[in-house]
N, C-alpha and C. Protein backbone atom coordinates (compact mmCIF):
# COMPACT_ATOMS: atom_id res chain seq x y z
N MET A 1 251.34 132.69 -19.41
CA MET A 1 251.67 133.79 -20.28
C MET A 1 252.95 134.48 -19.75
N LYS A 2 253.67 134.72 -20.77
CA LYS A 2 255.17 135.34 -20.58
C LYS A 2 255.02 136.95 -20.29
N LYS A 3 255.73 137.25 -19.41
CA LYS A 3 255.88 138.72 -18.92
C LYS A 3 256.68 139.43 -20.03
N SER A 4 256.22 140.68 -20.37
CA SER A 4 256.94 141.49 -21.34
C SER A 4 258.24 142.17 -20.67
N GLN A 5 259.16 142.12 -21.30
CA GLN A 5 260.36 142.88 -20.86
C GLN A 5 260.67 144.38 -21.38
N ASN A 6 259.41 145.03 -21.57
CA ASN A 6 259.44 146.38 -22.04
C ASN A 6 259.54 147.20 -20.77
N ASN A 7 260.61 148.06 -20.88
CA ASN A 7 260.78 148.97 -19.80
C ASN A 7 260.17 150.41 -20.22
N ASP A 8 259.53 150.53 -21.24
CA ASP A 8 259.16 151.74 -21.60
C ASP A 8 258.18 152.59 -20.56
N PRO A 9 257.27 152.02 -19.94
CA PRO A 9 256.44 152.81 -18.76
C PRO A 9 257.48 153.47 -17.73
N PHE A 10 258.45 152.70 -17.43
CA PHE A 10 259.52 153.19 -16.41
C PHE A 10 260.00 154.46 -16.94
N TRP A 11 260.56 154.50 -18.28
CA TRP A 11 261.24 155.68 -18.88
C TRP A 11 260.26 156.79 -19.12
N TRP A 12 258.94 156.44 -19.53
CA TRP A 12 258.08 157.35 -19.75
C TRP A 12 257.58 158.10 -18.52
N SER A 13 257.77 157.54 -17.17
CA SER A 13 257.38 158.19 -16.09
C SER A 13 258.51 159.25 -15.87
N PHE A 14 259.69 158.94 -16.05
CA PHE A 14 260.76 160.04 -15.90
C PHE A 14 260.55 161.11 -16.99
N PHE A 15 260.11 160.69 -18.28
CA PHE A 15 260.03 161.85 -19.27
C PHE A 15 258.81 162.67 -18.84
N GLY A 16 257.74 162.11 -18.46
CA GLY A 16 256.54 163.02 -17.93
C GLY A 16 256.88 163.91 -16.82
N ALA A 17 257.55 163.30 -15.73
CA ALA A 17 257.98 164.07 -14.51
C ALA A 17 258.96 165.13 -14.89
N GLY A 18 259.89 164.84 -15.69
CA GLY A 18 260.87 165.89 -16.29
C GLY A 18 260.26 166.91 -17.04
N GLY A 19 259.29 166.61 -17.90
CA GLY A 19 258.67 167.62 -18.62
C GLY A 19 257.96 168.63 -17.82
N VAL A 20 257.09 168.15 -16.85
CA VAL A 20 256.32 169.00 -16.10
C VAL A 20 257.15 169.81 -15.19
N PHE A 21 258.08 169.23 -14.56
CA PHE A 21 258.95 169.95 -13.65
C PHE A 21 259.78 171.01 -14.41
N SER A 22 260.26 170.68 -15.54
CA SER A 22 261.20 171.59 -16.31
C SER A 22 260.22 172.72 -16.92
N SER A 23 259.08 172.50 -17.19
CA SER A 23 258.38 173.50 -17.88
C SER A 23 257.81 174.48 -16.82
N PHE A 24 257.85 174.16 -15.72
CA PHE A 24 257.38 175.14 -14.62
C PHE A 24 258.63 175.92 -14.06
N PHE A 25 259.64 175.15 -13.86
CA PHE A 25 260.80 175.97 -13.07
C PHE A 25 262.10 176.31 -13.92
N VAL A 26 262.14 175.90 -15.18
CA VAL A 26 263.31 176.35 -15.90
C VAL A 26 263.04 177.77 -16.35
N PRO A 27 261.81 178.09 -16.78
CA PRO A 27 261.61 179.43 -17.19
C PRO A 27 261.85 180.54 -15.89
N ILE A 28 261.50 180.02 -14.81
CA ILE A 28 261.69 180.95 -13.61
C ILE A 28 263.15 181.15 -13.44
N HIS A 29 264.01 180.10 -13.69
CA HIS A 29 265.60 180.40 -13.43
C HIS A 29 266.01 181.28 -14.49
N VAL A 30 265.67 181.03 -15.71
CA VAL A 30 266.14 181.87 -16.75
C VAL A 30 265.77 183.33 -16.71
N LEU A 31 264.58 183.49 -16.15
CA LEU A 31 263.92 184.90 -15.86
C LEU A 31 264.76 185.69 -14.74
N LEU A 32 264.81 184.91 -13.58
CA LEU A 32 265.66 185.39 -12.40
C LEU A 32 267.06 185.51 -12.65
N LEU A 33 267.76 184.50 -13.01
CA LEU A 33 269.14 184.38 -13.01
C LEU A 33 269.74 184.71 -14.34
N GLY A 34 268.94 184.75 -15.39
CA GLY A 34 269.47 185.02 -16.84
C GLY A 34 269.26 186.35 -17.18
N LEU A 35 268.11 186.96 -16.70
CA LEU A 35 267.76 188.37 -17.01
C LEU A 35 267.71 189.30 -15.99
N ALA A 36 266.80 189.05 -15.14
CA ALA A 36 266.50 189.95 -13.90
C ALA A 36 267.86 190.45 -13.19
N LEU A 37 268.69 189.29 -12.80
CA LEU A 37 269.88 189.59 -11.98
C LEU A 37 270.98 190.47 -12.85
N PRO A 38 271.33 189.88 -13.99
CA PRO A 38 272.35 190.73 -14.82
C PRO A 38 271.87 192.11 -15.26
N LEU A 39 270.63 192.28 -15.52
CA LEU A 39 270.00 193.64 -15.95
C LEU A 39 269.73 194.47 -14.80
N GLY A 40 269.95 194.06 -13.56
CA GLY A 40 269.74 194.92 -12.49
C GLY A 40 268.27 195.19 -12.04
N TRP A 41 267.39 194.20 -12.63
CA TRP A 41 265.89 194.33 -12.28
C TRP A 41 265.81 193.87 -10.84
N TRP A 42 266.63 192.95 -10.40
CA TRP A 42 266.47 192.27 -9.15
C TRP A 42 267.81 192.35 -8.47
N LEU A 43 267.93 193.05 -7.34
CA LEU A 43 269.20 193.15 -6.83
C LEU A 43 269.55 192.19 -5.82
N TRP A 44 270.57 191.43 -5.92
CA TRP A 44 270.99 190.39 -5.00
C TRP A 44 272.15 191.01 -4.13
N PRO A 45 272.01 190.91 -3.00
CA PRO A 45 273.02 191.64 -2.01
C PRO A 45 274.59 191.24 -2.44
N GLU A 46 274.82 190.00 -2.47
CA GLU A 46 276.23 189.43 -2.76
C GLU A 46 276.02 188.16 -3.54
N HIS A 47 277.14 187.72 -4.08
CA HIS A 47 277.25 186.43 -4.77
C HIS A 47 277.35 185.25 -3.79
N GLU A 48 277.89 185.52 -2.44
CA GLU A 48 278.01 184.67 -1.47
C GLU A 48 276.43 184.13 -0.93
N SER A 49 275.66 185.13 -0.80
CA SER A 49 274.22 185.08 -0.39
C SER A 49 273.52 184.06 -1.31
N LEU A 50 273.77 184.11 -2.54
CA LEU A 50 273.09 183.22 -3.52
C LEU A 50 273.60 181.76 -3.39
N LEU A 51 274.91 181.55 -3.06
CA LEU A 51 275.52 180.47 -2.81
C LEU A 51 275.27 179.81 -1.56
N GLU A 52 274.84 180.69 -0.52
CA GLU A 52 274.50 180.19 0.69
C GLU A 52 272.94 179.65 0.51
N LEU A 53 272.20 180.27 -0.22
CA LEU A 53 270.81 179.79 -0.59
C LEU A 53 270.89 178.37 -1.24
N ALA A 54 271.86 178.20 -2.26
CA ALA A 54 271.95 177.01 -2.92
C ALA A 54 272.47 175.91 -1.84
N ARG A 55 273.00 176.23 -0.82
CA ARG A 55 273.47 175.26 0.02
C ARG A 55 272.51 174.76 1.11
N HIS A 56 271.44 175.29 1.15
CA HIS A 56 270.23 174.89 1.97
C HIS A 56 269.81 173.47 1.44
N PRO A 57 269.52 172.69 2.41
CA PRO A 57 269.16 171.30 2.02
C PRO A 57 267.85 171.14 1.05
N LEU A 58 266.88 171.92 1.28
CA LEU A 58 265.70 171.91 0.33
C LEU A 58 266.13 172.46 -1.06
N ALA A 59 266.92 173.50 -1.23
CA ALA A 59 267.51 174.04 -2.28
C ALA A 59 268.25 172.84 -3.11
N ARG A 60 269.10 172.18 -2.32
CA ARG A 60 270.08 171.16 -2.98
C ARG A 60 268.96 170.06 -3.56
N ILE A 61 267.95 169.67 -2.91
CA ILE A 61 267.20 168.58 -3.39
C ILE A 61 266.38 169.17 -4.68
N TYR A 62 265.89 170.42 -4.52
CA TYR A 62 265.19 171.01 -5.59
C TYR A 62 266.19 171.15 -6.93
N LEU A 63 267.53 171.66 -6.81
CA LEU A 63 268.34 171.72 -7.73
C LEU A 63 268.63 170.32 -8.44
N PHE A 64 268.84 169.38 -7.53
CA PHE A 64 269.25 168.03 -8.11
C PHE A 64 267.88 167.51 -8.85
N LEU A 65 266.71 167.61 -8.43
CA LEU A 65 265.45 167.24 -9.15
C LEU A 65 265.40 167.89 -10.48
N LEU A 66 265.77 169.04 -10.45
CA LEU A 66 265.45 170.01 -11.56
C LEU A 66 266.48 169.43 -12.58
N ILE A 67 267.71 169.13 -12.28
CA ILE A 67 268.70 168.68 -13.25
C ILE A 67 268.57 167.42 -13.59
N ALA A 68 268.27 166.45 -12.77
CA ALA A 68 268.01 164.97 -13.04
C ALA A 68 266.78 164.84 -13.92
N LEU A 69 265.72 165.33 -13.62
CA LEU A 69 264.44 165.06 -14.32
C LEU A 69 264.58 165.65 -15.85
N SER A 70 265.23 166.89 -15.92
CA SER A 70 265.54 167.57 -17.18
C SER A 70 266.28 166.58 -18.06
N LEU A 71 267.31 166.09 -17.45
CA LEU A 71 268.15 165.18 -18.22
C LEU A 71 267.47 163.93 -18.89
N PHE A 72 266.57 163.41 -17.94
CA PHE A 72 265.82 162.13 -18.35
C PHE A 72 264.64 162.54 -19.46
N HIS A 73 264.27 163.60 -19.17
CA HIS A 73 263.19 164.24 -20.33
C HIS A 73 263.94 164.45 -21.61
N ALA A 74 265.13 164.98 -21.60
CA ALA A 74 265.72 165.18 -22.75
C ALA A 74 266.34 163.78 -23.45
N ALA A 75 266.76 162.86 -22.60
CA ALA A 75 267.18 161.67 -23.07
C ALA A 75 266.09 160.88 -23.84
N HIS A 76 264.80 160.97 -23.23
CA HIS A 76 263.66 160.24 -23.98
C HIS A 76 263.35 160.91 -25.22
N ARG A 77 263.36 162.26 -25.31
CA ARG A 77 262.99 163.10 -26.48
C ARG A 77 264.11 162.69 -27.55
N ILE A 78 265.34 162.65 -27.27
CA ILE A 78 266.42 162.43 -28.17
C ILE A 78 266.28 160.91 -28.64
N ARG A 79 266.10 159.95 -27.78
CA ARG A 79 265.81 158.54 -28.15
C ARG A 79 264.82 158.44 -29.28
N PHE A 80 263.69 159.03 -28.88
CA PHE A 80 262.44 158.81 -29.96
C PHE A 80 262.73 159.65 -31.18
N THR A 81 263.48 160.86 -31.12
CA THR A 81 263.72 161.52 -32.26
C THR A 81 264.58 160.73 -33.18
N LEU A 82 265.68 160.02 -32.71
CA LEU A 82 266.50 159.32 -33.46
C LEU A 82 265.75 158.08 -34.03
N HIS A 83 264.94 157.49 -33.28
CA HIS A 83 264.17 156.41 -33.71
C HIS A 83 263.25 156.83 -34.85
N ASP A 84 262.52 157.95 -34.75
CA ASP A 84 261.83 158.41 -35.88
C ASP A 84 262.50 158.84 -37.03
N LEU A 85 263.74 159.54 -37.03
CA LEU A 85 264.47 160.06 -38.02
C LEU A 85 265.18 158.89 -38.74
N LEU A 86 265.66 157.98 -38.08
CA LEU A 86 266.42 156.87 -38.82
C LEU A 86 265.57 155.77 -39.20
N LEU A 87 264.33 155.65 -38.74
CA LEU A 87 263.36 154.60 -39.17
C LEU A 87 263.96 153.26 -39.20
N ALA A 88 264.87 153.05 -38.27
CA ALA A 88 265.54 151.81 -38.00
C ALA A 88 265.44 151.26 -36.62
N HIS A 89 264.75 150.07 -36.62
CA HIS A 89 264.59 149.39 -35.18
C HIS A 89 265.99 148.73 -34.64
N SER A 90 266.99 148.60 -35.52
CA SER A 90 268.15 148.02 -35.21
C SER A 90 269.06 148.88 -34.18
N VAL A 91 268.89 150.34 -34.35
CA VAL A 91 269.54 151.22 -33.64
C VAL A 91 268.81 151.68 -32.31
N ASP A 92 267.62 151.00 -32.14
CA ASP A 92 266.93 151.41 -31.02
C ASP A 92 267.53 151.17 -29.57
N LYS A 93 268.13 149.99 -29.50
CA LYS A 93 268.74 149.64 -28.27
C LYS A 93 270.00 150.32 -27.93
N PRO A 94 270.81 150.62 -28.90
CA PRO A 94 272.11 151.29 -28.61
C PRO A 94 271.72 152.83 -28.39
N ALA A 95 270.72 153.29 -29.12
CA ALA A 95 270.29 154.65 -28.69
C ALA A 95 269.71 154.76 -27.35
N ALA A 96 269.01 153.83 -27.11
CA ALA A 96 268.39 153.74 -25.62
C ALA A 96 269.47 153.85 -24.61
N PHE A 97 270.46 152.96 -24.77
CA PHE A 97 271.45 152.73 -23.93
C PHE A 97 272.31 154.04 -23.77
N ALA A 98 272.65 154.66 -25.05
CA ALA A 98 273.43 155.85 -24.91
C ALA A 98 272.63 157.02 -24.32
N CYS A 99 271.33 157.30 -24.62
CA CYS A 99 270.59 158.33 -24.01
C CYS A 99 270.39 158.15 -22.63
N TYR A 100 269.79 156.93 -22.22
CA TYR A 100 269.52 156.76 -20.77
C TYR A 100 270.75 156.62 -19.87
N GLY A 101 271.81 156.09 -20.52
CA GLY A 101 273.17 156.06 -19.89
C GLY A 101 273.73 157.26 -19.61
N GLY A 102 273.51 158.25 -20.59
CA GLY A 102 274.08 159.61 -20.38
C GLY A 102 273.29 160.32 -19.29
N ALA A 103 271.88 160.12 -19.38
CA ALA A 103 271.13 160.86 -18.48
C ALA A 103 271.47 160.18 -16.97
N ILE A 104 271.76 158.95 -16.77
CA ILE A 104 272.07 158.47 -15.39
C ILE A 104 273.47 158.94 -14.97
N ILE A 105 274.47 159.01 -16.04
CA ILE A 105 275.77 159.55 -15.68
C ILE A 105 275.60 161.02 -15.35
N GLY A 106 274.78 161.76 -16.02
CA GLY A 106 274.53 163.19 -15.61
C GLY A 106 273.88 163.37 -14.37
N THR A 107 273.02 162.51 -14.09
CA THR A 107 272.36 162.53 -12.75
C THR A 107 273.24 162.31 -11.63
N LEU A 108 274.16 161.32 -11.80
CA LEU A 108 275.22 160.99 -10.86
C LEU A 108 276.10 162.26 -10.63
N TYR A 109 276.58 162.73 -11.71
CA TYR A 109 277.46 163.92 -11.52
C TYR A 109 276.64 165.09 -10.92
N ALA A 110 275.55 165.39 -11.21
CA ALA A 110 274.76 166.44 -10.65
C ALA A 110 274.53 166.20 -9.07
N MET A 111 274.35 164.96 -8.70
CA MET A 111 274.25 164.52 -7.32
C MET A 111 275.49 164.92 -6.56
N VAL A 112 276.57 164.56 -7.17
CA VAL A 112 277.90 164.82 -6.40
C VAL A 112 278.14 166.43 -6.40
N THR A 113 277.77 166.97 -7.47
CA THR A 113 278.04 168.44 -7.61
C THR A 113 277.20 169.15 -6.68
N VAL A 114 275.83 168.88 -6.61
CA VAL A 114 274.93 169.73 -5.72
C VAL A 114 275.31 169.25 -4.32
N TRP A 115 275.59 168.15 -4.02
CA TRP A 115 275.80 167.76 -2.64
C TRP A 115 277.18 168.53 -2.00
N THR A 116 278.10 168.80 -2.96
CA THR A 116 279.45 169.17 -2.43
C THR A 116 279.42 170.75 -2.60
N LEU A 117 278.42 171.44 -2.85
CA LEU A 117 278.40 172.94 -2.91
C LEU A 117 279.07 173.49 -1.66
């Protein structure tokens, strides 16, 4: 029996992990850093202390996972939205290459950025 060359379960795992991780933690970031801090509901002593928090090794890992998994979740959604809208199987491979390639490049960029804070 010939083995299938289908990589969908691999990409679906990133899609699921990204969806769960993003749905829990992105709203927290929007609430704290997008609303509470600018409106003065939550007073942070200085900008530098927020940067110090981001430089902590656990915070770096957390930020990297948040960015990387969100990128893969978005790439999977975009790929299958294009597949459903275009109804053409001929563009599935280039769309997959573009979406997942963009997510991989974005993940590498996030890794470099987060690690050099």
